[in-house]
Amino acid sequence: MNKLTSVDVRIQLIHYLFGIAKADGHVADTEVNVIKYIAGLLMISPTDFE
């Protein structure tokens, strides 16, 4: 996926994941950890989406 998508698209995906995580009103630490893991797989640093 990294070679097929731009950094902007991958960052947008991370933002969507945070939106899903917040659907219940808050984002749990475990959800943040999973999203950070996915971001790492997508070669996106946490500073890129914080």
Foldseek 3Di string as FASTA:
>chain_A
DLVVDDPVVLLVVLVVLVVVCCPVPDHDPVSVVVSCVVCVVSVHHPVNND
